[in-house]
Protein backbone atom coordinates (compact mmCIF):
# COMPACT_ATOMS: atom_id res chain seq x y z
CA UNK A 1 -20.90 -65.66 5.61
CA UNK A 2 -18.80 -67.84 7.82
CA UNK A 3 -20.36 -71.00 9.04
CA UNK A 4 -19.87 -72.68 12.44
CA UNK A 5 -17.54 -75.11 10.81
CA UNK A 6 -15.35 -72.11 9.74
CA UNK A 7 -15.51 -70.61 13.22
CA UNK A 8 -14.57 -73.97 14.78
CA UNK A 9 -11.61 -74.28 12.30
CA UNK A 10 -10.38 -70.45 13.30
CA UNK A 11 -10.79 -71.57 17.01
CA UNK A 12 -8.79 -74.80 16.68
CA UNK A 13 -6.16 -72.67 14.80
CA UNK A 14 -6.07 -70.33 17.51
CA UNK A 15 -5.99 -73.11 20.26
CA UNK A 16 -2.94 -74.75 18.49
CA UNK A 17 -0.91 -71.42 18.33
CA UNK A 18 -1.45 -70.76 22.15
CA UNK A 19 -0.76 -74.34 23.04
CA UNK A 20 3.04 -73.37 22.86
CA UNK A 21 2.45 -71.04 25.68
CA UNK A 22 -0.18 -72.54 27.79
CA UNK A 23 -2.59 -75.72 28.38
CA UNK A 24 -5.36 -74.81 25.84
CA UNK A 25 -8.82 -76.17 25.00
CA UNK A 26 -11.84 -75.17 22.93
CA UNK A 27 -14.87 -75.16 24.99
CA UNK A 28 -18.66 -74.53 24.54
CA UNK A 29 -21.08 -75.26 21.67
CA UNK A 30 -21.92 -73.88 18.21
CA UNK A 31 -21.58 -70.10 18.13
CA UNK A 32 -20.76 -70.00 21.90
CA UNK A 33 -17.44 -71.93 21.73
CA UNK A 34 -14.26 -70.16 22.67
CA UNK A 35 -10.70 -70.89 23.42
CA UNK A 36 -9.53 -71.24 27.02
CA UNK A 37 -5.91 -71.25 27.83
CA UNK A 38 -4.40 -71.30 31.17
CA UNK A 39 -0.82 -71.15 32.79
CA UNK A 40 0.66 -70.35 36.07
CA UNK A 41 -2.71 -69.00 37.56
CA UNK A 42 -3.66 -66.98 34.67
CA UNK A 43 -6.11 -67.71 32.09
CA UNK A 44 -7.76 -66.24 28.87
CA UNK A 45 -11.15 -66.96 27.11
CA UNK A 46 -11.05 -65.92 23.32
CA UNK A 47 -13.86 -65.77 20.96
CA UNK A 48 -15.04 -63.96 17.98
CA UNK A 49 -17.29 -60.85 18.57
CA UNK A 50 -19.00 -58.78 16.05
CA UNK A 51 -16.35 -56.09 16.42
CA UNK A 52 -13.38 -58.60 16.04
CA UNK A 53 -11.91 -60.84 18.59
CA UNK A 54 -12.89 -60.59 22.34
CA UNK A 55 -10.54 -61.67 25.03
CA UNK A 56 -11.28 -61.93 28.84
CA UNK A 57 -8.06 -61.88 30.95
CA UNK A 58 -8.42 -63.89 34.10
CA UNK A 59 -6.26 -63.90 37.37
CA UNK A 60 -6.86 -65.79 40.58
CA UNK A 61 -10.28 -67.02 39.17
CA UNK A 62 -11.62 -63.52 38.50
CA UNK A 63 -11.84 -61.33 35.39
CA UNK A 64 -9.05 -58.82 35.52
CA UNK A 65 -10.32 -57.01 32.23
CA UNK A 66 -11.43 -57.73 28.84
CA UNK A 67 -10.89 -56.24 25.40
CA UNK A 68 -11.92 -56.60 21.76
CA UNK A 69 -9.03 -56.85 19.08
CA UNK A 70 -9.68 -56.11 15.42
CA UNK A 71 -7.42 -58.79 14.33
CA UNK A 72 -7.03 -62.37 15.47
CA UNK A 73 -3.40 -61.95 15.52
CA UNK A 74 -3.57 -59.11 18.00
CA UNK A 75 -5.79 -61.20 20.29
CA UNK A 76 -3.16 -63.94 20.30
CA UNK A 77 -0.22 -61.65 20.94
CA UNK A 78 -2.02 -60.09 23.82
CA UNK A 79 -3.01 -63.52 25.16
CA UNK A 80 0.41 -64.77 25.20
CA UNK A 81 1.70 -61.82 26.68
CA UNK A 82 -0.89 -62.05 29.43
CA UNK A 83 -0.19 -65.73 30.02
CA UNK A 84 3.59 -65.33 30.32
CA UNK A 85 3.41 -62.50 33.03
CA UNK A 86 4.48 -63.87 36.37
CA UNK A 87 5.12 -67.43 35.02
CA UNK A 88 8.88 -67.38 35.61
């Protein structure tokens, strides 16, 4: 069984991987912690869910959509893609 420390380590790893794409931070406390990343008016919030990794995709300060990914890698790829759109 994963501990809160394990979860924090996972979130810190995700944040460091997204930091090459966007301004990234880990927010919240305990099991409610999540990664927040922002770039060019778009943002994501990424956290672990019972089904895998849950991502909210934000644009103009509102949630556009959300999705659960089975793997962390898939969640990171989708997050990078969302953050890169319209940033040129």
